[in-house]
Amino acid sequence: MAAASYVSFNNGDPGRTGTGGTDVTTAIRAAGRVLIAANAWAAISNDGTKRRTSNSGALSFGNAVNAQAVTHTILWDAASGGNCLHIFDSPYNSTAGAPVTIAIGALVLESP
């Protein structure tokens, strides 16, 4: 990735722009989206058919403020508002008070 990006959580179909459904990020983490620094992506690999990269570090949202159902994880180019860069199907249910972490390598970006 060439620049920093940010991760949010959604409940319901976000559509192509990431604005559908309900953004539930602040129900889990009061401070909102989590930053992924530009250097926090693994080196791009190329198997001859696809190029891939993934997050090279775990992304911590801290302990969940509330229990919340999540259907999608969304990658943005801004801490709020901004442009949707990628949508991941990622069903998950947070538990109030429990840590919420996206594991190393869980966000995989591919291109032909």
PDB file of N, CA and C in Angstrom:
ATOM      1  N   MET A   1       0.849  -1.186   0.000  1.00  0.00           N
ATOM      2  CA  MET A   1       0.000   0.000   0.000  1.00  0.00           C
ATOM      3  C   MET A   1       0.887   1.239   0.000  1.00  0.00           C
ATOM      4  N   ALA A   2       0.493   2.201  -0.764  1.00  0.00           N
ATOM      5  CA  ALA A   2       1.296   3.407  -0.898  1.00  0.00           C
ATOM      6  C   ALA A   2       1.080   4.410   0.221  1.00  0.00           C
ATOM      7  N   ALA A   3      -0.053   4.339   0.886  1.00  0.00           N
ATOM      8  CA  ALA A   3      -0.362   5.316   1.928  1.00  0.00           C
ATOM      9  C   ALA A   3      -1.034   4.630   3.099  1.00  0.00           C
ATOM     10  N   ALA A   4      -1.179   5.370   4.182  1.00  0.00           N
ATOM     11  CA  ALA A   4      -1.884   4.842   5.342  1.00  0.00           C
ATOM     12  C   ALA A   4      -3.329   4.517   4.969  1.00  0.00           C
ATOM     13  N   SER A   5      -3.907   3.571   5.660  1.00  0.00           N
ATOM     14  CA  SER A   5      -5.311   3.233   5.465  1.00  0.00           C
ATOM     15  C   SER A   5      -5.927   2.990   6.838  1.00  0.00           C
ATOM     16  N   TYR A   6      -7.237   2.853   6.863  1.00  0.00           N
ATOM     17  CA  TYR A   6      -7.966   2.751   8.120  1.00  0.00           C
ATOM     18  C   TYR A   6      -8.993   1.632   8.012  1.00  0.00           C
ATOM     19  N   VAL A   7      -9.265   0.980   9.140  1.00  0.00           N
ATOM     20  CA  VAL A   7     -10.165  -0.163   9.151  1.00  0.00           C
ATOM     21  C   VAL A   7     -11.397   0.149   9.989  1.00  0.00           C
ATOM     22  N   SER A   8     -12.563  -0.212   9.451  1.00  0.00           N
ATOM     23  CA  SER A   8     -13.818  -0.074  10.196  1.00  0.00           C
ATOM     24  C   SER A   8     -14.596  -1.386  10.133  1.00  0.00           C
ATOM     25  N   PHE A   9     -15.627  -1.481  10.969  1.00  0.00           N
ATOM     26  CA  PHE A   9     -16.510  -2.647  10.998  1.00  0.00           C
ATOM     27  C   PHE A   9     -17.913  -2.230  10.587  1.00  0.00           C
ATOM     28  N   ASN A  10     -18.605  -3.124   9.890  1.00  0.00           N
ATOM     29  CA  ASN A  10     -19.950  -2.845   9.403  1.00  0.00           C
ATOM     30  C   ASN A  10     -20.871  -4.010   9.722  1.00  0.00           C
ATOM     31  N   ASN A  11     -22.149  -3.700   9.935  1.00  0.00           N
ATOM     32  CA  ASN A  11     -23.167  -4.733  10.087  1.00  0.00           C
ATOM     33  C   ASN A  11     -24.173  -4.510   8.969  1.00  0.00           C
ATOM     34  N   GLY A  12     -24.285  -5.481   8.084  1.00  0.00           N
ATOM     35  CA  GLY A  12     -25.155  -5.366   6.925  1.00  0.00           C
ATOM     36  C   GLY A  12     -24.341  -5.081   5.684  1.00  0.00           C
ATOM     37  N   ASP A  13     -24.944  -5.299   4.550  1.00  0.00           N
ATOM     38  CA  ASP A  13     -24.256  -5.148   3.270  1.00  0.00           C
ATOM     39  C   ASP A  13     -23.804  -3.698   3.070  1.00  0.00           C
ATOM     40  N   PRO A  14     -22.481  -3.463   2.983  1.00  0.00           N
ATOM     41  CA  PRO A  14     -21.994  -2.103   2.803  1.00  0.00           C
ATOM     42  C   PRO A  14     -22.101  -1.599   1.367  1.00  0.00           C
ATOM     43  N   GLY A  15     -22.487  -2.467   0.438  1.00  0.00           N
ATOM     44  CA  GLY A  15     -22.537  -2.057  -0.961  1.00  0.00           C
ATOM     45  C   GLY A  15     -21.144  -1.789  -1.496  1.00  0.00           C
ATOM     46  N   ARG A  16     -21.060  -1.299  -2.709  1.00  0.00           N
ATOM     47  CA  ARG A  16     -19.753  -1.076  -3.357  1.00  0.00           C
ATOM     48  C   ARG A  16     -18.989   0.109  -2.779  1.00  0.00           C
ATOM     49  N   THR A  17     -19.702   1.066  -2.176  1.00  0.00           N
ATOM     50  CA  THR A  17     -19.050   2.269  -1.663  1.00  0.00           C
ATOM     51  C   THR A  17     -18.716   2.191  -0.179  1.00  0.00           C
ATOM     52  N   GLY A  18     -19.167   1.118   0.496  1.00  0.00           N
ATOM     53  CA  GLY A  18     -18.904   0.970   1.926  1.00  0.00           C
ATOM     54  C   GLY A  18     -19.858   1.732   2.809  1.00  0.00           C
ATOM     55  N   THR A  19     -20.867   2.394   2.218  1.00  0.00           N
ATOM     56  CA  THR A  19     -21.753   3.241   3.012  1.00  0.00           C
ATOM     57  C   THR A  19     -23.095   2.604   3.332  1.00  0.00           C
ATOM     58  N   GLY A  20     -23.356   1.406   2.804  1.00  0.00           N
ATOM     59  CA  GLY A  20     -24.594   0.712   3.128  1.00  0.00           C
ATOM     60  C   GLY A  20     -24.489   0.023   4.481  1.00  0.00           C
ATOM     61  N   GLY A  21     -25.563  -0.560   4.933  1.00  0.00           N
ATOM     62  CA  GLY A  21     -25.553  -1.215   6.234  1.00  0.00           C
ATOM     63  C   GLY A  21     -25.314  -0.186   7.330  1.00  0.00           C
ATOM     64  N   THR A  22     -24.773  -0.642   8.463  1.00  0.00           N
ATOM     65  CA  THR A  22     -24.527   0.239   9.606  1.00  0.00           C
ATOM     66  C   THR A  22     -23.076   0.154  10.019  1.00  0.00           C
ATOM     67  N   ASP A  23     -22.405   1.293  10.091  1.00  0.00           N
ATOM     68  CA  ASP A  23     -21.035   1.328  10.602  1.00  0.00           C
ATOM     69  C   ASP A  23     -21.113   1.128  12.112  1.00  0.00           C
ATOM     70  N   VAL A  24     -20.517   0.055  12.606  1.00  0.00           N
ATOM     71  CA  VAL A  24     -20.583  -0.269  14.037  1.00  0.00           C
ATOM     72  C   VAL A  24     -19.220  -0.097  14.725  1.00  0.00           C
ATOM     73  N   THR A  25     -18.298   0.556  14.052  1.00  0.00           N
ATOM     74  CA  THR A  25     -16.945   0.709  14.591  1.00  0.00           C
ATOM     75  C   THR A  25     -16.957   1.359  15.963  1.00  0.00           C
ATOM     76  N   THR A  26     -17.667   2.479  16.117  1.00  0.00           N
ATOM     77  CA  THR A  26     -17.632   3.185  17.398  1.00  0.00           C
ATOM     78  C   THR A  26     -18.417   2.457  18.486  1.00  0.00           C
ATOM     79  N   ALA A  27     -19.269   1.500  18.115  1.00  0.00           N
ATOM     80  CA  ALA A  27     -19.928   0.666  19.122  1.00  0.00           C
ATOM     81  C   ALA A  27     -18.922  -0.310  19.730  1.00  0.00           C
ATOM     82  N   ILE A  28     -17.861  -0.596  18.977  1.00  0.00           N
ATOM     83  CA  ILE A  28     -16.803  -1.492  19.455  1.00  0.00           C
ATOM     84  C   ILE A  28     -15.647  -0.694  20.035  1.00  0.00           C
ATOM     85  N   ARG A  29     -15.243   0.349  19.329  1.00  0.00           N
ATOM     86  CA  ARG A  29     -14.099   1.181  19.730  1.00  0.00           C
ATOM     87  C   ARG A  29     -14.517   2.637  19.638  1.00  0.00           C
ATOM     88  N   ALA A  30     -14.675   3.289  20.767  1.00  0.00           N
ATOM     89  CA  ALA A  30     -15.186   4.657  20.802  1.00  0.00           C
ATOM     90  C   ALA A  30     -14.382   5.608  19.914  1.00  0.00           C
ATOM     91  N   ALA A  31     -13.077   5.373  19.778  1.00  0.00           N
ATOM     92  CA  ALA A  31     -12.218   6.251  18.980  1.00  0.00           C
ATOM     93  C   ALA A  31     -12.391   6.042  17.484  1.00  0.00           C
ATOM     94  N   GLY A  32     -13.138   5.032  17.053  1.00  0.00           N
ATOM     95  CA  GLY A  32     -13.395   4.825  15.627  1.00  0.00           C
ATOM     96  C   GLY A  32     -12.374   3.956  14.925  1.00  0.00           C
ATOM     97  N   ARG A  33     -12.151   4.254  13.675  1.00  0.00           N
ATOM     98  CA  ARG A  33     -11.301   3.430  12.805  1.00  0.00           C
ATOM     99  C   ARG A  33      -9.878   3.288  13.335  1.00  0.00           C
ATOM    100  N   VAL A  34      -9.258   2.154  12.987  1.00  0.00           N
ATOM    101  CA  VAL A  34      -7.872   1.875  13.368  1.00  0.00           C
ATOM    102  C   VAL A  34      -6.967   2.115  12.165  1.00  0.00           C
ATOM    103  N   LEU A  35      -5.867   2.796  12.399  1.00  0.00           N
ATOM    104  CA  LEU A  35      -4.884   3.116  11.373  1.00  0.00           C
ATOM    105  C   LEU A  35      -4.044   1.892  11.015  1.00  0.00           C
ATOM    106  N   ILE A  36      -3.812   1.714   9.726  1.00  0.00           N
ATOM    107  CA  ILE A  36      -2.801   0.773   9.243  1.00  0.00           C
ATOM    108  C   ILE A  36      -1.770   1.632   8.519  1.00  0.00           C
ATOM    109  N   ALA A  37      -0.592   1.724   9.078  1.00  0.00           N
ATOM    110  CA  ALA A  37       0.460   2.533   8.456  1.00  0.00           C
ATOM    111  C   ALA A  37       0.835   1.929   7.109  1.00  0.00           C
ATOM    112  N   ALA A  38       1.342   2.764   6.221  1.00  0.00           N
ATOM    113  CA  ALA A  38       1.717   2.308   4.881  1.00  0.00           C
ATOM    114  C   ALA A  38       2.734   1.176   4.940  1.00  0.00           C
ATOM    115  N   ASN A  39       3.613   1.177   5.945  1.00  0.00           N
ATOM    116  CA  ASN A  39       4.635   0.125   6.054  1.00  0.00           C
ATOM    117  C   ASN A  39       4.154  -1.079   6.855  1.00  0.00           C
ATOM    118  N   ALA A  40       2.869  -1.145   7.174  1.00  0.00           N
ATOM    119  CA  ALA A  40       2.328  -2.257   7.949  1.00  0.00           C
ATOM    120  C   ALA A  40       1.665  -3.319   7.063  1.00  0.00           C
ATOM    121  N   TRP A  41       2.018  -3.307   5.786  1.00  0.00           N
ATOM    122  CA  TRP A  41       1.554  -4.325   4.840  1.00  0.00           C
ATOM    123  C   TRP A  41       2.756  -5.167   4.436  1.00  0.00           C
ATOM    124  N   ALA A  42       2.543  -6.451   4.297  1.00  0.00           N
ATOM    125  CA  ALA A  42       3.617  -7.363   3.880  1.00  0.00           C
ATOM    126  C   ALA A  42       4.063  -7.010   2.460  1.00  0.00           C
ATOM    127  N   ALA A  43       5.279  -7.416   2.126  1.00  0.00           N
ATOM    128  CA  ALA A  43       5.777  -7.221   0.765  1.00  0.00           C
ATOM    129  C   ALA A  43       4.818  -7.905  -0.206  1.00  0.00           C
ATOM    130  N   ILE A  44       4.629  -7.303  -1.355  1.00  0.00           N
ATOM    131  CA  ILE A  44       3.726  -7.869  -2.358  1.00  0.00           C
ATOM    132  C   ILE A  44       4.348  -9.122  -2.948  1.00  0.00           C
ATOM    133  N   SER A  45       3.557 -10.193  -2.951  1.00  0.00           N
ATOM    134  CA  SER A  45       4.010 -11.435  -3.573  1.00  0.00           C
ATOM    135  C   SER A  45       3.307 -11.582  -4.918  1.00  0.00           C
ATOM    136  N   ASN A  46       3.913 -12.353  -5.806  1.00  0.00           N
ATOM    137  CA  ASN A  46       3.357 -12.561  -7.131  1.00  0.00           C
ATOM    138  C   ASN A  46       3.579 -14.021  -7.502  1.00  0.00           C
ATOM    139  N   ASP A  47       2.456 -14.765  -7.629  1.00  0.00           N
ATOM    140  CA  ASP A  47       2.580 -16.185  -7.976  1.00  0.00           C
ATOM    141  C   ASP A  47       2.441 -16.416  -9.478  1.00  0.00           C
ATOM    142  N   GLY A  48       2.492 -15.349 -10.256  1.00  0.00           N
ATOM    143  CA  GLY A  48       2.356 -15.462 -11.703  1.00  0.00           C
ATOM    144  C   GLY A  48       0.946 -15.208 -12.193  1.00  0.00           C
ATOM    145  N   THR A  49      -0.045 -15.348 -11.312  1.00  0.00           N
ATOM    146  CA  THR A  49      -1.426 -15.070 -11.703  1.00  0.00           C
ATOM    147  C   THR A  49      -2.031 -13.948 -10.880  1.00  0.00           C
ATOM    148  N   LYS A  50      -1.593 -13.804  -9.625  1.00  0.00           N
ATOM    149  CA  LYS A  50      -2.135 -12.754  -8.760  1.00  0.00           C
ATOM    150  C   LYS A  50      -1.029 -12.137  -7.927  1.00  0.00           C
ATOM    151  N   ARG A  51      -1.219 -10.869  -7.646  1.00  0.00           N
ATOM    152  CA  ARG A  51      -0.353 -10.177  -6.694  1.00  0.00           C
ATOM    153  C   ARG A  51      -1.103 -10.083  -5.379  1.00  0.00           C
ATOM    154  N   ARG A  52      -0.415 -10.303  -4.250  1.00  0.00           N
ATOM    155  CA  ARG A  52      -1.062 -10.314  -2.943  1.00  0.00           C
ATOM    156  C   ARG A  52      -0.238  -9.556  -1.915  1.00  0.00           C
ATOM    157  N   THR A  53      -0.961  -8.972  -0.972  1.00  0.00           N
ATOM    158  CA  THR A  53      -0.346  -8.432   0.233  1.00  0.00           C
ATOM    159  C   THR A  53      -1.350  -8.623   1.365  1.00  0.00           C
ATOM    160  N   SER A  54      -0.875  -8.530   2.591  1.00  0.00           N
ATOM    161  CA  SER A  54      -1.749  -8.644   3.759  1.00  0.00           C
ATOM    162  C   SER A  54      -1.163  -7.812   4.888  1.00  0.00           C
ATOM    163  N   ASN A  55      -1.984  -7.570   5.905  1.00  0.00           N
ATOM    164  CA  ASN A  55      -1.496  -6.805   7.048  1.00  0.00           C
ATOM    165  C   ASN A  55      -0.380  -7.591   7.731  1.00  0.00           C
ATOM    166  N   SER A  56       0.740  -6.923   8.000  1.00  0.00           N
ATOM    167  CA  SER A  56       1.907  -7.604   8.566  1.00  0.00           C
ATOM    168  C   SER A  56       1.954  -7.537  10.090  1.00  0.00           C
ATOM    169  N   GLY A  57       0.996  -6.871  10.686  1.00  0.00           N
ATOM    170  CA  GLY A  57       0.906  -6.807  12.144  1.00  0.00           C
ATOM    171  C   GLY A  57      -0.534  -6.952  12.569  1.00  0.00           C
ATOM    172  N   ALA A  58      -0.733  -7.395  13.807  1.00  0.00           N
ATOM    173  CA  ALA A  58      -2.089  -7.488  14.347  1.00  0.00           C
ATOM    174  C   ALA A  58      -2.646  -6.077  14.524  1.00  0.00           C
ATOM    175  N   LEU A  59      -3.942  -5.920  14.319  1.00  0.00           N
ATOM    176  CA  LEU A  59      -4.613  -4.631  14.471  1.00  0.00           C
ATOM    177  C   LEU A  59      -5.515  -4.697  15.690  1.00  0.00           C
ATOM    178  N   SER A  60      -5.191  -3.930  16.704  1.00  0.00           N
ATOM    179  CA  SER A  60      -5.966  -3.970  17.949  1.00  0.00           C
ATOM    180  C   SER A  60      -6.978  -2.841  18.005  1.00  0.00           C
ATOM    181  N   PHE A  61      -8.210  -3.207  18.291  1.00  0.00           N
ATOM    182  CA  PHE A  61      -9.272  -2.239  18.536  1.00  0.00           C
ATOM    183  C   PHE A  61      -9.477  -2.055  20.036  1.00  0.00           C
ATOM    184  N   GLY A  62      -8.623  -2.667  20.850  1.00  0.00           N
ATOM    185  CA  GLY A  62      -8.792  -2.609  22.301  1.00  0.00           C
ATOM    186  C   GLY A  62      -9.940  -3.505  22.732  1.00  0.00           C
ATOM    187  N   ASN A  63     -10.409  -3.307  23.940  1.00  0.00           N
ATOM    188  CA  ASN A  63     -11.540  -4.078  24.437  1.00  0.00           C
ATOM    189  C   ASN A  63     -12.834  -3.474  23.919  1.00  0.00           C
ATOM    190  N   ALA A  64     -13.732  -4.312  23.456  1.00  0.00           N
ATOM    191  CA  ALA A  64     -14.995  -3.843  22.882  1.00  0.00           C
ATOM    192  C   ALA A  64     -15.817  -3.092  23.920  1.00  0.00           C
ATOM    193  N   VAL A  65     -16.313  -1.938  23.526  1.00  0.00           N
ATOM    194  CA  VAL A  65     -17.184  -1.151  24.395  1.00  0.00           C
ATOM    195  C   VAL A  65     -18.516  -1.876  24.555  1.00  0.00           C
ATOM    196  N   ASN A  66     -19.032  -2.440  23.479  1.00  0.00           N
ATOM    197  CA  ASN A  66     -20.326  -3.135  23.466  1.00  0.00           C
ATOM    198  C   ASN A  66     -20.216  -4.440  22.697  1.00  0.00           C
ATOM    199  N   ALA A  67     -21.157  -5.338  22.970  1.00  0.00           N
ATOM    200  CA  ALA A  67     -21.297  -6.529  22.132  1.00  0.00           C
ATOM    201  C   ALA A  67     -21.877  -6.058  20.807  1.00  0.00           C
ATOM    202  N   GLN A  68     -21.344  -6.592  19.711  1.00  0.00           N
ATOM    203  CA  GLN A  68     -21.789  -6.104  18.408  1.00  0.00           C
ATOM    204  C   GLN A  68     -21.594  -7.169  17.345  1.00  0.00           C
ATOM    205  N   ALA A  69     -22.586  -7.339  16.478  1.00  0.00           N
ATOM    206  CA  ALA A  69     -22.457  -8.229  15.324  1.00  0.00           C
ATOM    207  C   ALA A  69     -21.782  -7.465  14.186  1.00  0.00           C
ATOM    208  N   VAL A  70     -20.807  -8.103  13.573  1.00  0.00           N
ATOM    209  CA  VAL A  70     -20.074  -7.520  12.447  1.00  0.00           C
ATOM    210  C   VAL A  70     -20.216  -8.463  11.256  1.00  0.00           C
ATOM    211  N   THR A  71     -20.515  -7.910  10.084  1.00  0.00           N
ATOM    212  CA  THR A  71     -20.605  -8.736   8.879  1.00  0.00           C
ATOM    213  C   THR A  71     -19.461  -8.460   7.911  1.00  0.00           C
ATOM    214  N   HIS A  72     -18.904  -7.240   7.970  1.00  0.00           N
ATOM    215  CA  HIS A  72     -17.852  -6.842   7.027  1.00  0.00           C
ATOM    216  C   HIS A  72     -16.803  -5.973   7.718  1.00  0.00           C
ATOM    217  N   THR A  73     -15.587  -6.085   7.237  1.00  0.00           N
ATOM    218  CA  THR A  73     -14.500  -5.194   7.626  1.00  0.00           C
ATOM    219  C   THR A  73     -14.185  -4.362   6.389  1.00  0.00           C
ATOM    220  N   ILE A  74     -14.029  -3.051   6.575  1.00  0.00           N
ATOM    221  CA  ILE A  74     -13.853  -2.157   5.429  1.00  0.00           C
ATOM    222  C   ILE A  74     -12.544  -1.387   5.562  1.00  0.00           C
ATOM    223  N   LEU A  75     -11.822  -1.288   4.460  1.00  0.00           N
ATOM    224  CA  LEU A  75     -10.575  -0.542   4.393  1.00  0.00           C
ATOM    225  C   LEU A  75     -10.864   0.812   3.747  1.00  0.00           C
ATOM    226  N   TRP A  76     -10.430   1.906   4.399  1.00  0.00           N
ATOM    227  CA  TRP A  76     -10.695   3.278   3.959  1.00  0.00           C
ATOM    228  C   TRP A  76      -9.391   4.033   3.750  1.00  0.00           C
ATOM    229  N   ASP A  77      -9.476   5.155   3.057  1.00  0.00           N
ATOM    230  CA  ASP A  77      -8.303   6.009   2.873  1.00  0.00           C
ATOM    231  C   ASP A  77      -8.284   7.193   3.844  1.00  0.00           C
ATOM    232  N   ALA A  78      -9.208   7.226   4.809  1.00  0.00           N
ATOM    233  CA  ALA A  78      -9.277   8.331   5.769  1.00  0.00           C
ATOM    234  C   ALA A  78      -9.792   7.828   7.119  1.00  0.00           C
ATOM    235  N   ALA A  79      -9.461   8.558   8.176  1.00  0.00           N
ATOM    236  CA  ALA A  79      -9.889   8.186   9.531  1.00  0.00           C
ATOM    237  C   ALA A  79     -11.397   8.325   9.702  1.00  0.00           C
ATOM    238  N   SER A  80     -12.017   9.196   8.939  1.00  0.00           N
ATOM    239  CA  SER A  80     -13.483   9.296   8.902  1.00  0.00           C
ATOM    240  C   SER A  80     -13.857   9.769   7.500  1.00  0.00           C
ATOM    241  N   GLY A  81     -15.063   9.409   7.073  1.00  0.00           N
ATOM    242  CA  GLY A  81     -15.440   9.715   5.691  1.00  0.00           C
ATOM    243  C   GLY A  81     -14.485   9.017   4.743  1.00  0.00           C
ATOM    244  N   GLY A  82     -14.065   9.680   3.709  1.00  0.00           N
ATOM    245  CA  GLY A  82     -13.076   9.113   2.795  1.00  0.00           C
ATOM    246  C   GLY A  82     -13.662   8.167   1.775  1.00  0.00           C
ATOM    247  N   ASN A  83     -12.755   7.438   1.121  1.00  0.00           N
ATOM    248  CA  ASN A  83     -13.126   6.513   0.059  1.00  0.00           C
ATOM    249  C   ASN A  83     -12.922   5.073   0.516  1.00  0.00           C
ATOM    250  N   CYS A  84     -13.870   4.238   0.172  1.00  0.00           N
ATOM    251  CA  CYS A  84     -13.776   2.811   0.468  1.00  0.00           C
ATOM    252  C   CYS A  84     -12.753   2.196  -0.491  1.00  0.00           C
ATOM    253  N   LEU A  85     -11.738   1.542   0.063  1.00  0.00           N
ATOM    254  CA  LEU A  85     -10.701   0.908  -0.757  1.00  0.00           C
ATOM    255  C   LEU A  85     -10.964  -0.574  -0.992  1.00  0.00           C
ATOM    256  N   HIS A  86     -11.535  -1.237   0.020  1.00  0.00           N
ATOM    257  CA  HIS A  86     -11.782  -2.677  -0.106  1.00  0.00           C
ATOM    258  C   HIS A  86     -12.762  -3.108   0.981  1.00  0.00           C
ATOM    259  N   ILE A  87     -13.574  -4.108   0.649  1.00  0.00           N
ATOM    260  CA  ILE A  87     -14.540  -4.662   1.605  1.00  0.00           C
ATOM    261  C   ILE A  87     -14.239  -6.142   1.780  1.00  0.00           C
ATOM    262  N   PHE A  88     -14.135  -6.566   3.032  1.00  0.00           N
ATOM    263  CA  PHE A  88     -13.878  -7.967   3.370  1.00  0.00           C
ATOM    264  C   PHE A  88     -15.127  -8.542   4.033  1.00  0.00           C
ATOM    265  N   ASP A  89     -15.588  -9.727   3.587  1.00  0.00           N
ATOM    266  CA  ASP A  89     -16.633 -10.449   4.317  1.00  0.00           C
ATOM    267  C   ASP A  89     -15.968 -10.996   5.566  1.00  0.00           C
ATOM    268  N   SER A  90     -16.487 -10.637   6.727  1.00  0.00           N
ATOM    269  CA  SER A  90     -15.814 -11.052   7.961  1.00  0.00           C
ATOM    270  C   SER A  90     -16.797 -11.162   9.118  1.00  0.00           C
ATOM    271  N   PRO A  91     -17.679 -12.158   9.091  1.00  0.00           N
ATOM    272  CA  PRO A  91     -18.645 -12.311  10.182  1.00  0.00           C
ATOM    273  C   PRO A  91     -17.931 -12.475  11.529  1.00  0.00           C
ATOM    274  N   TYR A  92     -18.389 -11.715  12.508  1.00  0.00           N
ATOM    275  CA  TYR A  92     -17.750 -11.717  13.823  1.00  0.00           C
ATOM    276  C   TYR A  92     -18.731 -11.126  14.828  1.00  0.00           C
ATOM    277  N   ASN A  93     -18.719 -11.635  16.043  1.00  0.00           N
ATOM    278  CA  ASN A  93     -19.520 -11.064  17.122  1.00  0.00           C
ATOM    279  C   ASN A  93     -18.587 -10.657  18.241  1.00  0.00           C
ATOM    280  N   SER A  94     -18.539  -9.350  18.541  1.00  0.00           N
ATOM    281  CA  SER A  94     -17.699  -8.890  19.641  1.00  0.00           C
ATOM    282  C   SER A  94     -18.436  -9.114  20.957  1.00  0.00           C
ATOM    283  N   THR A  95     -17.677  -9.243  22.025  1.00  0.00           N
ATOM    284  CA  THR A  95     -18.209  -9.377  23.375  1.00  0.00           C
ATOM    285  C   THR A  95     -17.774  -8.157  24.160  1.00  0.00           C
ATOM    286  N   ALA A  96     -18.707  -7.499  24.816  1.00  0.00           N
ATOM    287  CA  ALA A  96     -18.375  -6.303  25.593  1.00  0.00           C
ATOM    288  C   ALA A  96     -17.256  -6.623  26.585  1.00  0.00           C
ATOM    289  N   GLY A  97     -16.220  -5.776  26.576  1.00  0.00           N
ATOM    290  CA  GLY A  97     -15.096  -5.938  27.491  1.00  0.00           C
ATOM    291  C   GLY A  97     -14.003  -6.867  27.005  1.00  0.00           C
ATOM    292  N   ALA A  98     -14.253  -7.599  25.929  1.00  0.00           N
ATOM    293  CA  ALA A  98     -13.250  -8.537  25.402  1.00  0.00           C
ATOM    294  C   ALA A  98     -12.422  -7.864  24.308  1.00  0.00           C
ATOM    295  N   PRO A  99     -11.144  -8.260  24.167  1.00  0.00           N
ATOM    296  CA  PRO A  99     -10.309  -7.656  23.134  1.00  0.00           C
ATOM    297  C   PRO A  99     -10.796  -7.989  21.724  1.00  0.00           C
ATOM    298  N   VAL A 100     -10.669  -7.004  20.837  1.00  0.00           N
ATOM    299  CA  VAL A 100     -11.010  -7.179  19.426  1.00  0.00           C
ATOM    300  C   VAL A 100      -9.730  -6.939  18.634  1.00  0.00           C
ATOM    301  N   THR A 101      -9.267  -7.980  17.952  1.00  0.00           N
ATOM    302  CA  THR A 101      -8.009  -7.907  17.213  1.00  0.00           C
ATOM    303  C   THR A 101      -8.175  -8.566  15.853  1.00  0.00           C
ATOM    304  N   ILE A 102      -7.626  -7.933  14.836  1.00  0.00           N
ATOM    305  CA  ILE A 102      -7.546  -8.555  13.514  1.00  0.00           C
ATOM    306  C   ILE A 102      -6.156  -9.168  13.430  1.00  0.00           C
ATOM    307  N   ALA A 103      -6.101 -10.463  13.215  1.00  0.00           N
ATOM    308  CA  ALA A 103      -4.836 -11.202  13.234  1.00  0.00           C
ATOM    309  C   ALA A 103      -3.924 -10.821  12.072  1.00  0.00           C
ATOM    310  N   ILE A 104      -2.641 -11.054  12.275  1.00  0.00           N
ATOM    311  CA  ILE A 104      -1.651 -10.864  11.202  1.00  0.00           C
ATOM    312  C   ILE A 104      -2.083 -11.686   9.988  1.00  0.00           C
ATOM    313  N   GLY A 105      -2.081 -11.071   8.825  1.00  0.00           N
ATOM    314  CA  GLY A 105      -2.410 -11.778   7.587  1.00  0.00           C
ATOM    315  C   GLY A 105      -3.882 -11.963   7.322  1.00  0.00           C
ATOM    316  N   ALA A 106      -4.761 -11.451   8.186  1.00  0.00           N
ATOM    317  CA  ALA A 106      -6.211 -11.675   8.000  1.00  0.00           C
ATOM    318  C   ALA A 106      -6.809 -10.806   6.911  1.00  0.00           C
ATOM    319  N   LEU A 107      -6.228  -9.644   6.659  1.00  0.00           N
ATOM    320  CA  LEU A 107      -6.727  -8.768   5.597  1.00  0.00           C
ATOM    321  C   LEU A 107      -5.856  -8.977   4.361  1.00  0.00           C
ATOM    322  N   VAL A 108      -6.358  -9.707   3.400  1.00  0.00           N
ATOM    323  CA  VAL A 108      -5.590 -10.052   2.196  1.00  0.00           C
ATOM    324  C   VAL A 108      -6.148  -9.280   1.008  1.00  0.00           C
ATOM    325  N   LEU A 109      -5.247  -8.566   0.347  1.00  0.00           N
ATOM    326  CA  LEU A 109      -5.597  -7.850  -0.872  1.00  0.00           C
ATOM    327  C   LEU A 109      -4.968  -8.569  -2.057  1.00  0.00           C
ATOM    328  N   GLU A 110      -5.774  -8.790  -3.108  1.00  0.00           N
ATOM    329  CA  GLU A 110      -5.293  -9.472  -4.316  1.00  0.00           C
ATOM    330  C   GLU A 110      -5.641  -8.647  -5.541  1.00  0.00           C
ATOM    331  N   SER A 111      -4.802  -8.774  -6.545  1.00  0.00           N
ATOM    332  CA  SER A 111      -5.133  -8.180  -7.844  1.00  0.00           C
ATOM    333  C   SER A 111      -4.543  -9.073  -8.936  1.00  0.00           C
ATOM    334  N   PRO A 112      -5.224  -9.103 -10.093  1.00  0.00           N
ATOM    335  CA  PRO A 112      -4.704  -9.931 -11.182  1.00  0.00           C
ATOM    336  C   PRO A 112      -3.416  -9.373 -11.746  1.00  0.00           C
TER     337      PRO A 112
END
